Protein backbone atom coordinates (compact mmCIF):
# COMPACT_ATOMS: atom_id res chain seq x y z
CA UNK A 1 34.11 21.72 -7.23
CA UNK A 2 34.07 23.30 -3.37
CA UNK A 3 31.28 21.54 -2.75
CA UNK A 4 32.99 18.25 -3.87
CA UNK A 5 36.13 19.04 -1.85
CA UNK A 6 33.44 18.89 1.47
CA UNK A 7 32.16 15.51 0.55
CA UNK A 8 35.41 14.41 0.05
CA UNK A 9 36.27 15.39 3.29
CA UNK A 10 33.89 13.44 5.10
CA UNK A 11 34.52 9.99 3.17
CA UNK A 12 38.11 10.55 4.63
CA UNK A 13 36.64 11.41 8.16
CA UNK A 14 34.02 8.81 7.58
CA UNK A 15 36.82 6.17 6.99
CA UNK A 16 38.60 6.82 10.19
CA UNK A 17 35.36 6.31 12.20
CA UNK A 18 33.68 3.39 13.14
CA UNK A 19 32.67 0.98 9.85
CA UNK A 20 29.30 1.11 10.79
CA UNK A 21 28.48 4.35 9.85
CA UNK A 22 29.60 4.24 6.29
CA UNK A 23 26.95 1.92 6.21
CA UNK A 24 24.39 3.94 8.00
CA UNK A 25 25.36 7.09 5.40
CA UNK A 26 23.04 7.64 2.69
CA UNK A 27 24.59 5.01 -0.22
CA UNK A 28 24.27 7.24 -2.84
CA UNK A 29 26.14 10.01 -1.37
CA UNK A 30 28.61 7.80 -0.47
CA UNK A 31 28.56 6.29 -4.15
CA UNK A 32 28.31 10.27 -5.19
CA UNK A 33 31.48 10.79 -3.09
CA UNK A 34 33.82 7.50 -4.28
CA UNK A 35 33.29 8.43 -7.75
CA UNK A 36 34.77 12.18 -7.37
CA UNK A 37 37.97 11.15 -5.24
CA UNK A 38 40.34 10.36 -8.06
CA UNK A 39 39.36 13.44 -10.06
CA UNK A 40 39.86 15.86 -6.71
CA UNK A 41 43.28 14.22 -5.89
CA UNK A 42 44.23 14.63 -9.65
CA UNK A 43 43.24 18.42 -9.36
CA UNK A 44 44.95 18.99 -6.01
CA UNK A 45 48.13 17.14 -7.07
CA UNK A 46 48.17 19.54 -10.85
CA UNK A 47 47.96 22.54 -8.70
CA UNK A 48 51.24 21.28 -6.90
CA UNK A 49 49.65 21.25 -3.11
CA UNK A 50 49.51 18.21 -0.96
CA UNK A 51 45.91 16.76 0.42
CA UNK A 52 46.28 17.90 3.79
CA UNK A 53 47.57 21.34 2.82
CA UNK A 54 44.19 21.36 0.64
CA UNK A 55 42.36 20.09 3.73
CA UNK A 56 43.45 22.91 5.74
CA UNK A 57 43.21 25.64 3.52
CA UNK A 58 39.75 25.01 1.85
CA UNK A 59 37.70 22.49 3.96
CA UNK A 60 38.52 22.78 7.54
CA UNK A 61 36.60 26.38 7.95
CA UNK A 62 33.46 24.84 6.67
CA UNK A 63 33.46 21.93 8.47
CA UNK A 64 34.29 23.19 11.77
CA UNK A 65 31.28 25.98 11.17
CA UNK A 66 28.80 23.12 10.74
CA UNK A 67 29.67 21.52 13.61
CA UNK A 68 29.41 24.74 15.60
CA UNK A 69 33.37 24.61 16.76
CA UNK A 70 34.73 28.01 18.40
CA UNK A 71 36.55 29.42 15.52
CA UNK A 72 39.24 30.64 18.20
CA UNK A 73 40.43 27.55 18.67
CA UNK A 74 43.50 26.51 16.92
CA UNK A 75 42.06 23.19 15.41
CA UNK A 76 45.12 22.67 13.19
CA UNK A 77 46.88 22.08 16.61
CA UNK A 78 44.52 19.58 17.69
CA UNK A 79 43.31 17.55 14.73
CA UNK A 80 42.19 15.03 17.46
CA UNK A 81 39.45 17.02 18.98
CA UNK A 82 38.34 17.89 15.36
CA UNK A 83 37.72 14.01 14.80
CA UNK A 84 36.10 13.71 18.35
CA UNK A 85 33.43 16.74 17.50
CA UNK A 86 32.61 14.89 14.38
CA UNK A 87 32.36 12.13 15.92
CA UNK A 88 30.07 13.12 18.11
CA UNK A 89 28.07 14.72 15.75
CA UNK A 90 27.22 11.24 14.01
CA UNK A 91 26.52 9.47 17.07
CA UNK A 92 23.72 12.51 17.84
CA UNK A 93 22.34 12.11 14.19
CA UNK A 94 22.43 8.54 14.17
CA UNK A 95 20.42 8.65 17.92
CA UNK A 96 18.04 10.94 16.84
CA UNK A 97 17.08 9.13 13.21
CA UNK A 98 18.63 11.85 11.79
CA UNK A 99 20.46 12.32 8.04
CA UNK A 100 23.98 13.31 8.08
CA UNK A 101 24.42 17.01 6.70
CA UNK A 102 20.71 16.96 5.85
CA UNK A 103 21.12 20.51 4.74
CA UNK A 104 22.84 18.83 1.44
CA UNK A 105 20.50 15.86 1.12
CA UNK A 106 17.02 16.88 3.25
CA UNK A 107 14.74 14.13 3.68
CA UNK A 108 11.56 14.33 5.59
CA UNK A 109 10.39 11.72 8.10
CA UNK A 110 7.14 10.36 6.66
CA UNK A 111 5.38 9.50 10.03
CA UNK A 112 7.20 9.43 13.74
CA UNK A 113 5.97 5.58 14.81
CA UNK A 114 8.02 3.42 17.50
CA UNK A 115 6.91 0.63 19.84
CA UNK A 116 5.71 3.34 22.40
CA UNK A 117 3.62 4.80 19.68
CA UNK A 118 -0.20 5.09 21.07
CA UNK A 119 -1.38 4.70 17.85
CA UNK A 120 -0.62 1.21 17.81
CA UNK A 121 -3.47 0.43 20.03
CA UNK A 122 -5.55 2.19 18.44
CA UNK A 123 -9.01 1.63 16.06
CA UNK A 124 -9.25 3.05 12.99
CA UNK A 125 -11.81 6.09 14.11
CA UNK A 126 -9.23 6.58 17.21
CA UNK A 127 -6.27 7.05 14.41
CA UNK A 128 -8.23 9.46 12.57
CA UNK A 129 -9.25 11.59 15.45
CA UNK A 130 -5.93 11.52 16.52
CA UNK A 131 -5.41 13.11 13.38
CA UNK A 132 -7.43 15.97 13.71
CA UNK A 133 -10.44 14.59 11.81
CA UNK A 134 -13.87 13.87 12.66
CA UNK A 135 -14.60 10.36 12.44
CA UNK A 136 -17.71 8.06 12.28
CA UNK A 137 -18.57 4.37 12.87
CA UNK A 138 -21.63 2.88 11.19
CA UNK A 139 -23.37 -0.58 11.48
CA UNK A 140 -24.37 -2.26 8.15
CA UNK A 141 -26.03 -5.63 7.91
CA UNK A 142 -25.99 -8.03 4.93
CA UNK A 143 -28.72 -9.81 3.61
CA UNK A 144 -27.07 -12.69 4.99
CA UNK A 145 -26.67 -11.60 8.18
CA UNK A 146 -22.94 -10.62 8.19
CA UNK A 147 -22.75 -7.46 10.79
CA UNK A 148 -20.32 -4.55 8.91
CA UNK A 149 -18.43 -1.61 10.76
CA UNK A 150 -17.67 0.93 8.44
CA UNK A 151 -16.15 4.17 8.87
CA UNK A 152 -16.15 7.56 7.48
CA UNK A 153 -14.26 11.06 7.39
CA UNK A 154 -17.46 13.05 6.67
CA UNK A 155 -15.62 16.44 6.14
CA UNK A 156 -12.22 17.91 6.30
CA UNK A 157 -10.37 19.93 9.27
CA UNK A 158 -10.89 23.45 7.50
CA UNK A 159 -14.84 22.32 6.43
CA UNK A 160 -18.17 22.79 7.86
CA UNK A 161 -21.00 19.97 8.20
CA UNK A 162 -23.07 21.92 5.75
CA UNK A 163 -20.38 22.11 3.16
CA UNK A 164 -21.31 19.99 0.01
CA UNK A 165 -19.10 17.13 -0.23
CA UNK A 166 -18.61 14.86 -3.08
CA UNK A 167 -19.03 11.03 -1.84
CA UNK A 168 -15.89 8.10 -2.43
CA UNK A 169 -16.38 5.07 -0.84
CA UNK A 170 -12.58 3.01 -0.71
CA UNK A 171 -12.51 -0.74 0.01
CA UNK A 172 -9.36 -2.55 1.30
CA UNK A 173 -7.49 -5.60 -0.20
CA UNK A 174 -6.96 -9.29 1.27
CA UNK A 175 -6.24 -9.46 4.95
CA UNK A 176 -6.75 -6.02 5.17
CA UNK A 177 -9.36 -3.54 7.25
CA UNK A 178 -10.51 0.51 6.78
CA UNK A 179 -6.98 1.11 9.02
CA UNK A 180 -5.01 0.08 5.76
CA UNK A 181 -5.60 3.30 3.90
CA UNK A 182 -5.14 5.51 7.14
CA UNK A 183 -1.77 4.31 8.23
CA UNK A 184 0.64 6.78 6.32
CA UNK A 185 -1.18 9.77 8.27
CA UNK A 186 -2.11 13.10 7.23
CA UNK A 187 -0.83 14.18 3.99
CA UNK A 188 0.29 11.24 2.89
CA UNK A 189 -2.79 8.82 3.57
CA UNK A 190 -5.14 8.61 0.75
CA UNK A 191 -8.40 9.32 2.57
CA UNK A 192 -7.06 12.62 4.31
CA UNK A 193 -6.30 13.84 1.07
CA UNK A 194 -9.58 12.61 -0.63
CA UNK A 195 -11.03 14.58 2.65
CA UNK A 196 -8.99 18.01 1.80
CA UNK A 197 -9.87 17.80 -1.97
CA UNK A 198 -13.16 17.83 -1.19
CA UNK A 199 -14.51 14.15 -0.53
CA UNK A 200 -16.96 12.57 1.94
CA UNK A 201 -14.84 9.78 2.37
CA UNK A 202 -16.40 5.98 3.52
CA UNK A 203 -14.02 3.18 4.57
CA UNK A 204 -15.41 -0.26 4.02
CA UNK A 205 -14.48 -3.30 6.50
CA UNK A 206 -15.12 -6.76 4.84
CA UNK A 207 -16.93 -9.87 6.52
CA UNK A 208 -14.48 -11.48 8.95
CA UNK A 209 -12.05 -8.46 9.34
CA UNK A 210 -11.07 -6.91 12.55
CA UNK A 211 -14.09 -4.71 12.43
CA UNK A 212 -16.51 -6.87 10.65
CA UNK A 213 -16.25 -10.07 12.82
CA UNK A 214 -19.67 -10.37 14.04
CA UNK A 215 -23.19 -12.48 12.45
CA UNK A 216 -26.84 -12.25 13.61
CA UNK A 217 -27.00 -15.88 14.41
CA UNK A 218 -23.52 -17.64 13.33
CA UNK A 219 -21.03 -17.86 16.04
CA UNK A 220 -17.36 -16.79 14.87
CA UNK A 221 -15.60 -20.06 15.45
CA UNK A 222 -17.92 -22.04 13.54
CA UNK A 223 -17.08 -23.21 9.54
CA UNK A 224 -20.59 -21.56 8.67
CA UNK A 225 -19.25 -18.13 9.57
CA UNK A 226 -16.06 -18.45 7.52
CA UNK A 227 -17.78 -20.28 4.48
CA UNK A 228 -17.29 -17.53 1.94
CA UNK A 229 -14.68 -16.01 -0.53
CA UNK A 230 -14.77 -12.85 -2.59
CA UNK A 231 -17.55 -13.68 -4.25
CA UNK A 232 -20.08 -13.79 -1.29
CA UNK A 233 -18.54 -9.99 -0.53
CA UNK A 234 -19.71 -8.97 -3.96
CA UNK A 235 -22.69 -10.14 -3.85
CA UNK A 236 -23.92 -9.00 0.05
CA UNK A 237 -20.93 -7.31 1.35
CA UNK A 238 -20.57 -4.13 -1.26
CA UNK A 239 -24.29 -3.87 -2.40
CA UNK A 240 -25.35 -3.22 1.46
CA UNK A 241 -22.60 -0.71 2.16
CA UNK A 242 -23.53 0.98 -0.99
CA UNK A 243 -27.31 0.82 -0.19
CA UNK A 244 -26.71 2.16 3.01
CA UNK A 245 -24.78 5.59 2.06
CA UNK A 246 -27.75 6.10 -0.85
CA UNK A 247 -30.29 5.44 1.82
CA UNK A 248 -28.51 7.85 4.02
CA UNK A 249 -27.56 10.46 1.64
CA UNK A 250 -29.91 10.64 -0.87
CA UNK A 251 -30.24 7.95 -4.20
CA UNK A 252 -29.20 11.02 -6.24
CA UNK A 253 -25.85 11.05 -4.67
CA UNK A 254 -22.91 9.50 -6.75
CA UNK A 255 -20.18 7.36 -5.45
CA UNK A 256 -17.03 7.21 -6.77
CA UNK A 257 -15.61 3.83 -6.08
CA UNK A 258 -11.55 3.31 -5.20
CA UNK A 259 -10.70 0.00 -4.68
CA UNK A 260 -7.02 -1.91 -3.72
CA UNK A 261 -6.32 -5.53 -4.77
CA UNK A 262 -9.28 -7.44 -3.28
CA UNK A 263 -11.62 -4.76 -3.27
CA UNK A 264 -11.11 -4.63 -7.04
CA UNK A 265 -12.00 -8.06 -7.53
CA UNK A 266 -15.31 -7.64 -5.69
CA UNK A 267 -16.06 -4.35 -7.72
CA UNK A 268 -15.69 -6.52 -11.02
CA UNK A 269 -17.67 -9.40 -9.31
CA UNK A 270 -20.88 -7.37 -8.33
CA UNK A 271 -21.13 -5.55 -11.75
CA UNK A 272 -20.59 -8.21 -13.95
CA UNK A 273 -23.57 -10.01 -11.94
CA UNK A 274 -25.77 -7.33 -10.71
CA UNK A 275 -25.31 -5.15 -13.19
CA UNK A 276 -27.78 -2.14 -11.80
CA UNK A 277 -25.14 -1.03 -10.23
CA UNK A 278 -23.47 0.03 -12.95
CA UNK A 279 -25.68 2.78 -12.86
CA UNK A 280 -26.20 2.93 -9.11
CA UNK A 281 -21.95 4.69 -8.69
CA UNK A 282 -20.40 7.08 -10.80
CA UNK A 283 -17.13 5.53 -11.61
CA UNK A 284 -14.48 2.86 -10.34
CA UNK A 285 -10.43 3.37 -9.92
CA UNK A 286 -9.04 0.13 -9.33
CA UNK A 287 -5.55 0.25 -7.61
CA UNK A 288 -3.71 -2.94 -8.37
CA UNK A 289 -6.48 -4.60 -10.27
CA UNK A 290 -7.13 -8.15 -9.67
CA UNK A 291 -9.06 -10.27 -11.90
CA UNK A 292 -7.07 -12.44 -14.21
CA UNK A 293 -4.33 -14.02 -12.32
CA UNK A 294 -1.96 -16.12 -15.18
CA UNK A 295 1.62 -13.99 -14.21
CA UNK A 296 1.96 -14.10 -10.46
CA UNK A 297 5.05 -13.57 -8.71
CA UNK A 298 3.75 -14.12 -5.10
CA UNK A 299 4.37 -17.27 -3.30
CA UNK A 300 0.23 -17.29 -3.28
CA UNK A 301 1.14 -19.58 -6.41
CA UNK A 302 2.76 -22.52 -4.67
CA UNK A 303 -0.93 -23.09 -3.11
CA UNK A 304 -2.24 -23.30 -6.86
CA UNK A 305 -1.24 -26.70 -7.98
CA UNK A 306 -3.11 -27.97 -4.31
CA UNK A 307 -6.31 -25.83 -5.14
CA UNK A 308 -8.09 -28.41 -6.48
CA UNK A 309 -7.39 -30.67 -3.12
CA UNK A 310 -9.83 -27.95 -0.84
CA UNK A 311 -9.63 -29.77 2.21
CA UNK A 312 -5.71 -30.36 2.21
CA UNK A 313 -5.73 -26.77 1.80
CA UNK A 314 -7.96 -26.22 4.49
CA UNK A 315 -6.10 -28.40 6.76
CA UNK A 316 -2.52 -26.76 5.96
CA UNK A 317 -4.32 -22.98 6.07
CA UNK A 318 -6.51 -23.65 8.79
CA UNK A 319 -10.53 -24.41 8.03
CA UNK A 320 -11.86 -21.18 8.94
CA UNK A 321 -10.16 -17.81 9.57
CA UNK A 322 -6.59 -17.71 7.47
CA UNK A 323 -4.68 -18.45 10.45
CA UNK A 324 -1.57 -20.35 8.81
CA UNK A 325 1.16 -21.83 11.20
CA UNK A 326 4.59 -20.09 11.08
CA UNK A 327 5.93 -23.10 9.29
CA UNK A 328 3.24 -22.52 6.23
CA UNK A 329 4.40 -18.91 6.55
CA UNK A 330 8.06 -19.87 6.41
CA UNK A 331 7.40 -22.16 3.38
CA UNK A 332 5.47 -19.24 1.63
CA UNK A 333 8.18 -16.40 2.16
CA UNK A 334 11.28 -18.56 1.76
CA UNK A 335 11.53 -17.22 -1.71
CA UNK A 336 10.41 -14.09 -1.39
CA UNK A 337 12.46 -13.34 1.87
CA UNK A 338 15.49 -15.12 0.62
CA UNK A 339 15.79 -12.56 -2.40
CA UNK A 340 14.52 -9.62 -0.64
CA UNK A 341 16.52 -10.25 2.26
CA UNK A 342 13.38 -8.57 4.20
CA UNK A 343 13.72 -7.69 8.11
CA UNK A 344 12.02 -10.78 9.85
CA UNK A 345 8.94 -9.14 11.14
CA UNK A 346 7.81 -8.67 7.59
CA UNK A 347 8.65 -12.27 6.34
CA UNK A 348 6.51 -13.33 9.04
CA UNK A 349 3.70 -11.17 8.19
CA UNK A 350 0.96 -12.92 6.08
CA UNK A 351 0.27 -9.81 4.42
CA UNK A 352 3.63 -8.94 2.95
CA UNK A 353 4.41 -12.48 2.21
CA UNK A 354 1.35 -12.40 -0.10
CA UNK A 355 1.56 -9.06 -1.57
CA UNK A 356 5.18 -8.35 -1.16
CA UNK A 357 7.76 -5.62 -0.23
CA UNK A 358 9.78 -2.80 -1.75
CA UNK A 359 12.16 -1.89 0.49
CA UNK A 360 12.93 1.40 -1.52
CA UNK A 361 9.34 2.69 -0.99
CA UNK A 362 8.75 1.25 2.62
CA UNK A 363 9.22 3.71 5.45
CA UNK A 364 10.20 1.20 8.21
CA UNK A 365 8.78 4.12 10.53
CA UNK A 366 5.38 2.86 9.72
CA UNK A 367 5.95 -1.09 10.68
CA UNK A 368 5.08 -1.01 14.17
CA UNK A 369 1.55 0.54 13.25
CA UNK A 370 1.15 -1.66 10.08
CA UNK A 371 2.12 -4.93 12.48
CA UNK A 372 -0.42 -4.00 15.01
CA UNK A 373 -3.34 -3.69 12.32
CA UNK A 374 -2.30 -6.20 9.87
CA UNK A 375 -3.19 -8.94 8.81
CA UNK A 376 -6.86 -7.94 9.91
CA UNK A 377 -8.66 -11.37 9.05
CA UNK A 378 -9.55 -13.23 6.00
CA UNK A 379 -11.49 -16.71 5.08
CA UNK A 380 -8.95 -19.69 4.29
CA UNK A 381 -11.74 -20.12 1.29
CA UNK A 382 -10.53 -16.67 -0.02
CA UNK A 383 -7.10 -17.94 -0.10
CA UNK A 384 -8.35 -20.70 -1.74
CA UNK A 385 -10.15 -19.03 -4.44
CA UNK A 386 -7.30 -16.85 -5.67
CA UNK A 387 -5.43 -20.18 -5.86
CA UNK A 388 -8.13 -21.79 -7.91
CA UNK A 389 -7.47 -18.37 -10.08
CA UNK A 390 -4.24 -18.94 -10.50
CA UNK A 391 -4.55 -22.58 -11.62
CA UNK A 392 -7.03 -22.47 -14.14
CA UNK A 393 -5.08 -19.23 -15.51
CA UNK A 394 -7.26 -16.99 -18.03
CA UNK A 395 -10.34 -17.51 -16.42
CA UNK A 396 -12.18 -15.20 -13.69
CA UNK A 397 -14.64 -17.35 -12.27
CA UNK A 398 -16.71 -18.58 -9.19
CA UNK A 399 -15.46 -20.86 -6.41
CA UNK A 400 -14.92 -24.40 -7.64
CA UNK A 401 -16.41 -27.05 -5.66
CA UNK A 402 -15.25 -29.90 -8.16
CA UNK A 403 -17.52 -31.54 -10.46
CA UNK A 404 -20.14 -32.94 -8.29
CA UNK A 405 -20.10 -29.71 -6.06
CA UNK A 406 -20.35 -27.54 -8.76
CA UNK A 407 -23.16 -29.66 -10.15
CA UNK A 408 -25.11 -28.94 -7.07
CA UNK A 409 -24.03 -25.65 -6.35
CA UNK A 410 -24.24 -24.44 -10.11
CA UNK A 411 -25.83 -27.04 -12.26
CA UNK A 412 -23.06 -27.39 -14.33
CA UNK A 413 -19.65 -29.14 -13.72
CA UNK A 414 -17.43 -26.02 -14.13
CA UNK A 415 -17.83 -22.66 -12.15
CA UNK A 416 -19.41 -19.75 -14.36
CA UNK A 417 -17.01 -16.88 -14.89
CA UNK A 418 -17.72 -13.56 -14.33
CA UNK A 419 -18.92 -11.91 -17.50
CA UNK A 420 -16.60 -8.32 -17.60
CA UNK A 421 -18.41 -7.51 -20.76
CA UNK A 422 -21.28 -6.77 -18.61
CA UNK A 423 -19.55 -4.03 -16.63
CA UNK A 424 -20.66 -0.80 -17.92
CA UNK A 425 -19.35 1.67 -15.74
CA UNK A 426 -16.14 3.64 -16.45
CA UNK A 427 -13.71 2.32 -14.76
CA UNK A 428 -9.64 3.41 -14.53
CA UNK A 429 -6.63 0.83 -13.99
CA UNK A 430 -3.62 2.19 -11.97
CA UNK A 431 -1.11 -0.70 -11.74
CA UNK A 432 2.52 -1.02 -11.43
CA UNK A 433 5.13 -3.44 -13.25
CA UNK A 434 6.50 -5.16 -9.81
CA UNK A 435 3.23 -5.93 -8.99
CA UNK A 436 3.01 -9.83 -7.33
CA UNK A 437 -0.75 -10.20 -8.01
CA UNK A 438 -1.71 -8.21 -10.62
CA UNK A 439 0.74 -8.11 -13.43
CA UNK A 440 1.13 -6.30 -16.61
CA UNK A 441 -0.38 -8.81 -18.87
CA UNK A 442 -2.84 -9.76 -16.69
CA UNK A 443 -4.27 -5.84 -15.72
CA UNK A 444 -4.21 -5.40 -19.94
CA UNK A 445 -6.01 -8.40 -20.52
CA UNK A 446 -8.75 -6.74 -18.19
CA UNK A 447 -8.46 -3.54 -19.85
CA UNK A 448 -8.98 -4.71 -23.55
CA UNK A 449 -12.35 -6.06 -22.45
CA UNK A 450 -13.78 -3.24 -20.33
CA UNK A 451 -16.25 -1.98 -22.40
CA UNK A 452 -16.13 1.93 -20.61
CA UNK A 453 -12.59 2.20 -19.71
CA UNK A 454 -11.21 5.60 -18.48
CA UNK A 455 -7.91 4.85 -18.79
CA UNK A 456 -5.12 2.46 -17.86
CA UNK A 457 -2.08 4.25 -15.65
CA UNK A 458 1.01 2.55 -14.85
CA UNK A 459 2.78 3.80 -11.78
CA UNK A 460 6.33 5.40 -13.33
CA UNK A 461 8.32 3.63 -11.24
CA UNK A 462 9.54 0.06 -11.70
CA UNK A 463 9.91 -0.95 -8.09
CA UNK A 464 6.59 -0.25 -7.32
CA UNK A 465 4.49 -3.07 -6.04
CA UNK A 466 1.23 -4.07 -4.89
CA UNK A 467 1.38 -2.95 -1.42
CA UNK A 468 3.08 0.33 -2.56
CA UNK A 469 -0.33 1.75 -3.28
CA UNK A 470 -1.37 2.05 0.47
CA UNK A 471 2.08 3.02 2.21
CA UNK A 472 4.88 3.83 -0.32
CA UNK A 473 6.57 7.08 0.61
CA UNK A 474 5.95 8.39 -2.68
CA UNK A 475 2.40 7.08 -3.13
CA UNK A 476 0.89 10.58 -3.26
CA UNK A 477 3.55 11.99 -5.69
CA UNK A 478 3.26 8.40 -8.29
CA UNK A 479 -0.38 7.66 -7.75
CA UNK A 480 -2.60 9.65 -5.66
CA UNK A 481 -2.04 12.64 -7.66
CA UNK A 482 -3.17 10.97 -10.71
CA UNK A 483 -5.92 9.68 -8.81
CA UNK A 484 -7.16 12.92 -8.00
CA UNK A 485 -7.32 14.23 -11.80
CA UNK A 486 -9.04 10.83 -12.79
CA UNK A 487 -11.78 11.35 -10.16
CA UNK A 488 -11.85 15.37 -11.38
CA UNK A 489 -11.54 15.44 -15.35
CA UNK A 490 -11.11 11.63 -16.33
CA UNK A 491 -14.44 10.60 -16.77
CA UNK A 492 -15.48 13.77 -18.63
CA UNK A 493 -12.61 12.67 -21.10
CA UNK A 494 -13.65 9.27 -21.70
CA UNK A 495 -15.77 8.24 -24.32
CA UNK A 496 -19.02 9.49 -25.61
CA UNK A 497 -20.93 6.41 -24.42
CA UNK A 498 -19.65 7.12 -20.79
CA UNK A 499 -20.87 10.31 -20.69
CA UNK A 500 -24.60 9.19 -21.92
CA UNK A 501 -24.03 6.99 -19.32
CA UNK A 502 -23.45 9.37 -16.60
CA UNK A 503 -26.29 11.75 -18.36
CA UNK A 504 -28.85 8.84 -17.93
CA UNK A 505 -28.10 8.77 -14.14
């Protein structure tokens, strides 16, 4: 009861301060205070005392003590000073991004990033080094001539170069890069968590993004350079990266693969077509897995009805790199931003527009860092390929060039489907209920078709969405702890067939 008295008094004081502080005060506490107001009032009246007397006798000392007001002062005779002191406290807290009475409702600042943060000008290796970790950059050339730069955290802060390290490869999603994984910083970002858990962490970069915008013979401003989708990534980029790691570390190395969004799409496409990689990798872990796309909330579904008119979409979105004009982004974001009332900067960022935004789990202090690294680049043809997946609901297939183009490309009027049943690698699916691109229906459909599923884990937070797998405030608690558990124990707890596959490696 004494605590509620303190909180009730704060509400009274806030009522007489500038109204903008009421909005700034943590809403969950304000609601709690408001609900208790009538109860406290009745309690005081039952005791036969006025609210003023109750304040003077039971609350004054707590407030003055917390605000470091000199106890020898006659506060009763100087209520103006009291209110001025509290007003000053609010001003100071707001200016320094602190919560009011953080001893009651403590909240850790996740990452202190602002427009002056040098991190917004840093590359992935520089960000890693800034956080005190060793970083490496490696150059990989694909079989069709693209030059990729992949990044590595070979060991943690406290381990040595000779310490044995398990191997994990992380692959980013659409419009992303290796930077996406490390933006939240130490203790929050998955690569650092994996590094401290004893893993040699590799971060892939897809052709055409910030770190892989080069080719041995093609200029980056030509259609030939950008004439690819996630299919080419699965057939050339991902095999080249895996082979490079195996060549460097030895072909007895067991690579754990973790993909997000498109990083899962390319894994499924690879394993279903170049099936020997099912025995090269140890296991796959798919965050927000995208294969079937029948139930899509993302505004990208607006493009689906035009996906059979490739020339029109190229004209609308840009023929080479996905660089939509502002008018197109406004068109795509209209639905999402009007519903969620997102900040203008977020609504103008193509990554947020396509993937979604969870205001409750989004650490706004990360926004300058995110906007400086994303979007990192993608081909328009990849966007069109995903739009086709939506239009042909229920088919996970290669790019559709139209009947004549398909005959020329594939020898049949329809593009071939990816044979999911040929995937024998143990795979865990990790999804969420509010995912704009990987719905419950589609992920479940994928799960039941996998030959060796480890587990389908659904994030226990209803609002958790597609982009939260990277940057959510509670990503470690809601996702990464479970992921670490699956990495260590999940494969051993799967089917006997899975265990036999591992023993055969």
